[in-house]
Protein backbone atom coordinates (compact mmCIF):
# COMPACT_ATOMS: atom_id res chain seq x y z
CA MET A 1 9.29 -16.98 -3.44
CA GLU A 2 6.27 -15.27 -4.89
CA SER A 3 4.57 -16.95 -7.81
CA THR A 4 2.92 -14.94 -10.52
CA GLN A 5 -0.06 -16.37 -12.30
CA VAL A 6 -0.41 -15.14 -15.86
CA SER A 7 -3.93 -15.16 -17.17
CA THR A 8 -4.29 -16.34 -20.73
CA PRO A 9 -7.10 -15.01 -22.90
CA ARG A 10 -10.04 -17.32 -23.34
CA PRO A 11 -10.41 -18.72 -26.84
CA ILE A 12 -13.27 -17.37 -28.92
CA PRO A 13 -15.99 -20.07 -28.99
CA GLN A 14 -16.69 -21.59 -32.40
CA GLU A 15 -20.33 -20.51 -32.27
CA ALA A 16 -19.20 -16.87 -32.31
CA PHE A 17 -17.43 -17.47 -35.63
CA ASP A 18 -20.53 -19.27 -36.93
CA TRP A 19 -22.73 -16.33 -35.94
CA TYR A 20 -20.36 -13.91 -37.64
CA ASP A 21 -20.60 -16.00 -40.81
CA GLU A 22 -24.41 -15.84 -40.63
CA TYR A 23 -24.27 -12.09 -40.05
CA ALA A 24 -21.72 -11.46 -42.81
CA HIS A 25 -23.89 -13.32 -45.30
CA GLY A 26 -27.18 -11.67 -44.37
CA LEU A 27 -28.73 -14.65 -42.57
CA ILE A 28 -29.11 -12.65 -39.33
CA ASP A 29 -29.12 -8.89 -38.74
CA ARG A 30 -26.60 -6.92 -36.69
CA ARG A 31 -28.90 -6.65 -33.66
CA THR A 32 -29.29 -10.43 -33.48
CA PHE A 33 -25.56 -10.95 -33.98
CA MET A 34 -24.62 -8.52 -31.20
CA ALA A 35 -27.26 -9.97 -28.85
CA ARG A 36 -25.84 -13.45 -29.33
CA LEU A 37 -22.33 -12.20 -28.65
CA ALA A 38 -23.51 -10.46 -25.49
CA GLY A 39 -24.88 -13.80 -24.32
CA LEU A 40 -21.31 -15.14 -24.18
CA ALA A 41 -20.46 -12.77 -21.34
CA SER A 42 -21.17 -15.59 -18.88
CA LEU A 43 -18.04 -17.29 -20.23
CA GLY A 44 -15.95 -14.35 -19.12
CA ILE A 45 -15.41 -12.90 -22.60
CA SER A 46 -16.27 -9.23 -22.97
CA LEU A 47 -18.23 -7.93 -25.91
CA SER A 48 -15.33 -5.66 -26.88
CA VAL A 49 -12.96 -8.64 -27.04
CA LEU A 50 -15.41 -10.58 -29.19
CA THR A 51 -16.10 -7.75 -31.64
CA GLY A 52 -12.41 -6.92 -31.77
CA ALA A 53 -11.65 -10.50 -32.80
CA LEU A 54 -14.49 -10.96 -35.27
CA LEU A 55 -14.95 -7.60 -37.01
CA PRO A 56 -12.26 -6.51 -39.51
CA ASN A 57 -9.34 -4.29 -38.59
CA TYR A 58 -7.94 -3.26 -41.95
CA ALA A 59 -4.83 -1.77 -40.41
CA LEU A 60 -3.69 -5.40 -40.19
CA ALA A 61 -4.29 -6.10 -43.88
CA GLU A 62 -1.32 -4.51 -45.58
CA GLN A 63 1.32 -7.04 -46.53
CA VAL A 64 2.40 -4.93 -49.53
CA SER A 65 2.40 -1.15 -49.23
CA PHE A 66 0.82 0.93 -51.97
CA ASN A 67 4.17 2.76 -51.97
CA ASP A 68 6.15 -0.41 -52.72
CA PRO A 69 8.55 0.38 -55.61
CA ASP A 70 7.91 -3.04 -57.19
CA ILE A 71 4.31 -2.15 -58.07
CA ARG A 72 2.32 0.63 -59.71
CA ALA A 73 -1.34 1.11 -58.77
CA SER A 74 -4.14 3.14 -60.33
CA TYR A 75 -7.91 3.14 -60.76
CA GLU A 76 -9.31 2.38 -64.19
CA LYS A 77 -12.84 2.50 -65.50
CA PHE A 78 -14.24 -0.10 -67.88
CA PRO A 79 -17.49 -0.48 -69.81
CA SER A 80 -20.13 -3.00 -68.77
CA PRO A 81 -22.95 -2.66 -71.30
CA GLU A 82 -24.84 -5.71 -70.02
CA GLY A 83 -24.32 -4.72 -66.40
CA HIS A 84 -24.27 -1.27 -64.78
CA GLY A 85 -22.90 0.58 -67.79
CA GLU A 86 -19.63 1.88 -66.36
CA CYS A 87 -17.56 0.32 -63.57
CA GLN A 88 -14.19 0.88 -61.95
CA GLY A 89 -11.40 -1.25 -60.52
CA TYR A 90 -8.01 -1.11 -58.84
CA LEU A 91 -5.28 -1.99 -61.33
CA VAL A 92 -1.88 -2.98 -59.94
CA SER A 93 1.04 -3.75 -62.26
CA PRO A 94 4.54 -5.06 -61.50
CA THR A 95 7.38 -2.66 -62.19
CA THR A 96 9.86 -5.53 -62.07
CA VAL A 97 8.57 -7.24 -65.23
CA GLN A 98 9.86 -6.21 -68.63
CA GLY A 99 7.05 -6.13 -71.15
CA LYS A 100 3.65 -7.69 -70.61
CA ALA A 101 2.54 -10.00 -67.78
CA PRO A 102 -0.40 -12.37 -67.20
CA GLY A 103 -3.54 -10.83 -65.71
CA VAL A 104 -5.38 -11.98 -62.59
CA LEU A 105 -8.84 -10.71 -61.70
CA VAL A 106 -9.23 -10.29 -57.91
CA ILE A 107 -12.83 -10.55 -56.74
CA HIS A 108 -13.96 -9.17 -53.40
CA GLU A 109 -16.38 -10.49 -50.81
CA ASN A 110 -19.99 -9.34 -50.51
CA ARG A 111 -19.12 -5.84 -49.28
CA GLY A 112 -17.15 -4.06 -51.99
CA LEU A 113 -13.50 -3.34 -52.63
CA ASN A 114 -12.16 -3.13 -49.09
CA PRO A 115 -8.48 -2.67 -48.07
CA TYR A 116 -7.88 -6.43 -47.67
CA ILE A 117 -8.81 -7.15 -51.29
CA LYS A 118 -6.72 -4.23 -52.55
CA ASP A 119 -3.77 -5.69 -50.66
CA VAL A 120 -4.35 -9.08 -52.29
CA ALA A 121 -4.11 -7.32 -55.66
CA ARG A 122 -0.82 -5.75 -54.60
CA ARG A 123 0.51 -9.14 -53.47
CA LEU A 124 -0.19 -10.55 -56.93
CA ALA A 125 1.54 -7.62 -58.62
CA LYS A 126 4.49 -8.08 -56.29
CA SER A 127 4.65 -11.65 -57.62
CA GLY A 128 4.74 -10.47 -61.23
CA PHE A 129 1.08 -10.47 -62.32
CA VAL A 130 -1.11 -7.62 -63.50
CA ALA A 131 -3.92 -7.64 -60.92
CA PHE A 132 -7.29 -5.98 -61.39
CA ALA A 133 -9.78 -5.74 -58.51
CA PRO A 134 -13.19 -4.36 -59.59
CA ASP A 135 -15.41 -2.59 -57.08
CA ALA A 136 -18.97 -3.86 -57.53
CA LEU A 137 -20.19 -0.85 -55.54
CA TYR A 138 -18.79 1.73 -57.97
CA PRO A 139 -22.23 2.37 -59.56
CA LEU A 140 -23.47 3.34 -56.08
CA GLY A 141 -20.47 5.52 -55.27
CA GLY A 142 -17.92 2.84 -54.40
CA TYR A 143 -16.86 1.03 -51.23
CA PRO A 144 -18.11 3.32 -48.43
CA GLY A 145 -15.26 2.75 -45.97
CA ASN A 146 -17.00 0.25 -43.71
CA ASP A 147 -18.17 -3.29 -44.30
CA ASP A 148 -21.64 -2.97 -42.77
CA GLU A 149 -22.70 -0.27 -45.19
CA GLY A 150 -20.87 -1.96 -48.04
CA ARG A 151 -22.70 -5.22 -47.38
CA SER A 152 -26.07 -3.48 -47.41
CA MET A 153 -25.21 -1.63 -50.61
CA GLN A 154 -24.14 -4.79 -52.43
CA ALA A 155 -27.23 -6.70 -51.25
CA SER A 156 -29.40 -4.01 -52.83
CA MET A 157 -27.89 -4.50 -56.28
CA ASP A 158 -29.18 -6.64 -59.14
CA LYS A 159 -27.26 -9.94 -59.01
CA ALA A 160 -27.46 -10.60 -62.75
CA LYS A 161 -26.02 -7.16 -63.53
CA LEU A 162 -23.27 -7.69 -60.94
CA GLU A 163 -22.28 -10.91 -62.66
CA GLN A 164 -22.16 -9.12 -66.00
CA ASP A 165 -19.94 -6.45 -64.46
CA PHE A 166 -17.39 -9.08 -63.46
CA ILE A 167 -17.54 -10.73 -66.88
CA ALA A 168 -16.87 -7.30 -68.38
CA ALA A 169 -13.98 -6.78 -65.93
CA ALA A 170 -12.44 -10.10 -66.96
CA GLN A 171 -12.65 -9.15 -70.62
CA PHE A 172 -11.23 -5.69 -69.89
CA LEU A 173 -8.20 -7.23 -68.16
CA GLU A 174 -7.68 -9.91 -70.81
CA ASN A 175 -7.53 -7.22 -73.51
CA HIS A 176 -5.55 -4.68 -71.48
CA GLN A 177 -2.39 -3.41 -73.15
CA SER A 178 -0.25 -4.51 -70.20
CA THR A 179 -1.29 -8.18 -70.20
CA THR A 180 -0.28 -11.21 -72.24
CA HIS A 181 -3.96 -12.16 -72.71
CA LYS A 182 -3.49 -15.02 -70.26
CA LEU A 183 -6.17 -14.57 -67.60
CA GLY A 184 -6.65 -15.94 -64.10
CA ALA A 185 -9.28 -15.23 -61.46
CA VAL A 186 -9.16 -15.50 -57.68
CA GLY A 187 -12.07 -14.68 -55.39
CA PHE A 188 -13.07 -14.90 -51.77
CA CYS A 189 -16.53 -15.81 -50.42
CA PHE A 190 -18.90 -14.01 -52.85
CA GLY A 191 -15.78 -13.59 -54.98
CA GLY A 192 -15.25 -17.34 -54.81
CA TYR A 193 -18.72 -17.78 -56.28
CA ILE A 194 -17.87 -15.25 -59.01
CA ALA A 195 -14.62 -17.12 -59.82
CA ASN A 196 -16.68 -20.30 -60.25
CA MET A 197 -19.26 -18.40 -62.29
CA LEU A 198 -16.60 -17.00 -64.62
CA ALA A 199 -15.11 -20.46 -65.15
CA ALA A 200 -18.58 -21.58 -66.24
CA SER A 201 -19.68 -18.49 -68.17
CA ILE A 202 -16.52 -17.67 -70.16
CA PRO A 203 -14.48 -20.90 -69.99
CA ASP A 204 -12.54 -20.04 -73.16
CA GLN A 205 -11.22 -16.86 -71.55
CA ILE A 206 -10.45 -17.98 -68.00
CA ASP A 207 -7.16 -19.89 -68.08
CA ALA A 208 -7.08 -20.61 -64.32
CA ALA A 209 -9.62 -19.95 -61.55
CA VAL A 210 -9.08 -20.11 -57.78
CA PRO A 211 -12.22 -19.81 -55.64
CA PHE A 212 -11.66 -19.49 -51.90
CA TYR A 213 -14.69 -20.90 -50.03
CA GLY A 214 -17.03 -20.05 -52.89
CA SER A 215 -20.36 -21.60 -53.81
CA PRO A 216 -20.80 -23.29 -57.23
CA PRO A 217 -22.13 -21.55 -60.34
CA ALA A 218 -25.76 -21.90 -61.34
CA GLU A 219 -26.74 -25.47 -62.19
CA GLU A 220 -27.44 -24.65 -65.83
CA LEU A 221 -23.87 -23.38 -66.27
CA ARG A 222 -21.92 -26.14 -64.54
CA ALA A 223 -21.65 -28.38 -67.58
CA ASN A 224 -19.49 -25.66 -69.20
CA VAL A 225 -16.70 -25.85 -66.61
CA GLU A 226 -13.49 -27.35 -67.97
CA GLY A 227 -10.93 -25.87 -65.57
CA PRO A 228 -8.25 -25.65 -64.54
CA LEU A 229 -9.65 -24.90 -61.10
CA MET A 230 -8.03 -24.82 -57.67
CA LEU A 231 -10.63 -24.73 -54.91
CA HIS A 232 -9.86 -23.88 -51.27
CA PHE A 233 -12.27 -24.89 -48.48
CA ALA A 234 -12.29 -24.23 -44.73
CA GLY A 235 -12.88 -27.25 -42.51
CA GLN A 236 -15.40 -25.43 -40.28
CA ASP A 237 -17.35 -23.94 -43.20
CA THR A 238 -20.31 -26.33 -43.30
CA ARG A 239 -22.49 -23.96 -45.35
CA ILE A 240 -20.11 -23.93 -48.33
CA ASN A 241 -18.68 -27.41 -47.88
CA ASN A 242 -22.14 -28.95 -48.22
CA THR A 243 -22.31 -27.63 -51.78
CA TRP A 244 -19.07 -29.31 -52.86
CA PRO A 245 -20.03 -33.00 -53.40
CA GLU A 246 -22.66 -32.16 -56.00
CA TYR A 247 -20.38 -29.69 -57.75
CA GLU A 248 -17.46 -32.12 -57.74
CA LYS A 249 -19.68 -34.77 -59.30
CA VAL A 250 -20.36 -32.44 -62.24
CA LEU A 251 -16.66 -31.57 -62.58
CA LYS A 252 -15.85 -35.28 -62.81
CA GLU A 253 -18.56 -35.79 -65.41
CA ASN A 254 -17.05 -32.89 -67.39
CA ASN A 255 -13.56 -34.39 -67.12
CA ALA A 256 -12.64 -30.94 -65.82
CA GLU A 257 -9.13 -30.26 -64.56
CA TYR A 258 -9.36 -29.36 -60.88
CA VAL A 259 -7.77 -29.78 -57.48
CA ALA A 260 -9.49 -29.11 -54.16
CA HIS A 261 -7.85 -28.43 -50.79
CA LEU A 262 -9.60 -28.67 -47.42
CA TYR A 263 -7.95 -26.90 -44.47
CA GLU A 264 -9.08 -28.57 -41.28
CA GLY A 265 -10.00 -26.61 -38.18
CA VAL A 266 -10.26 -23.18 -39.82
CA ASN A 267 -13.22 -20.94 -40.55
CA HIS A 268 -14.74 -19.41 -43.65
CA GLY A 269 -12.62 -16.35 -44.39
CA PHE A 270 -9.41 -17.88 -43.06
CA HIS A 271 -7.32 -16.08 -45.69
CA ASN A 272 -8.52 -12.63 -44.56
CA ASP A 273 -5.78 -11.31 -42.29
CA SER A 274 -7.92 -8.43 -40.97
CA THR A 275 -10.18 -10.58 -38.74
CA GLY A 276 -9.95 -13.19 -36.01
CA ARG A 277 -10.87 -15.86 -38.54
CA TYR A 278 -7.42 -15.52 -40.07
CA ALA A 279 -5.35 -18.71 -39.86
CA GLU A 280 -1.83 -17.70 -40.79
CA GLU A 281 -0.35 -21.12 -41.52
CA GLU A 282 -3.26 -22.30 -43.64
CA ALA A 283 -3.61 -18.93 -45.37
CA GLU A 284 0.06 -18.89 -46.35
CA LEU A 285 -0.14 -22.48 -47.61
CA ALA A 286 -3.26 -21.73 -49.66
CA TRP A 287 -1.68 -18.59 -51.10
CA SER A 288 1.58 -20.33 -52.04
CA ARG A 289 -0.45 -23.02 -53.79
CA THR A 290 -2.44 -20.31 -55.59
CA LEU A 291 0.68 -18.55 -56.85
CA GLU A 292 2.18 -21.84 -58.04
CA PHE A 293 -1.08 -22.64 -59.83
CA PHE A 294 -1.09 -19.29 -61.62
CA GLU A 295 2.59 -19.64 -62.53
CA ARG A 296 1.91 -23.04 -64.07
CA HIS A 297 -1.16 -22.06 -66.08
CA LEU A 298 -0.59 -18.39 -66.94
CA ARG A 299 3.12 -18.09 -67.70
């Protein structure tokens, strides 16, 4: 009898995910990132396999089609007088809800309004919320269609004005004719920071904030945070996790309402289903917790 040996793909080493995190957050440039990946060839992993696993494939990031009959999507402009003047976002409303629904601001990573974040907005609308996902890159022409260029564009922008743009977006959604004036915010990476910043900057307007692996707001704002907050952390995300003890100390001093979840063994970006960092079980658990949190505080 002949035996057939099936080769199984080698797992991507953790250092490759760590390098991608450094690259995605501007700590190393693309040349350095690719050179480090090439150095893993001695382990029998080709560069194409590594880049295919680490870099986003947005064809994978459509859990809710833009043609889904349960939602209605459009682009809407809003004023941002303290920021870049005029901005634009992706507004997705549920067609299954009679009357008004709570609003949830969806805040992208550090590269503009990419297809993954638009799909997150559609998922929220599918669950009965009015979701609004601003594109921070709109003043420069909008998300350019690839993350590398988007990341460079966003890094070139004035951070204080960007923050004001998201504050303006939150106020636009709170006052939108389709919402109940109950307002939540969910953000990922840079968007997680913005969710924390909004909870500190406009605490009377944010009724529930959910930062995914986001850094804390500026120290001078932290005393304003009252919650409710639900914070999601990735077990392998040392860079962000190291900021949590100090932030949690302030939340306790504020008697803020919060809950924090740590998902062991997963990487920063584990909710993003377009890359190899995606951890389906943990992402689904974090998302179900997020929806329950919004139901409890926004309905």
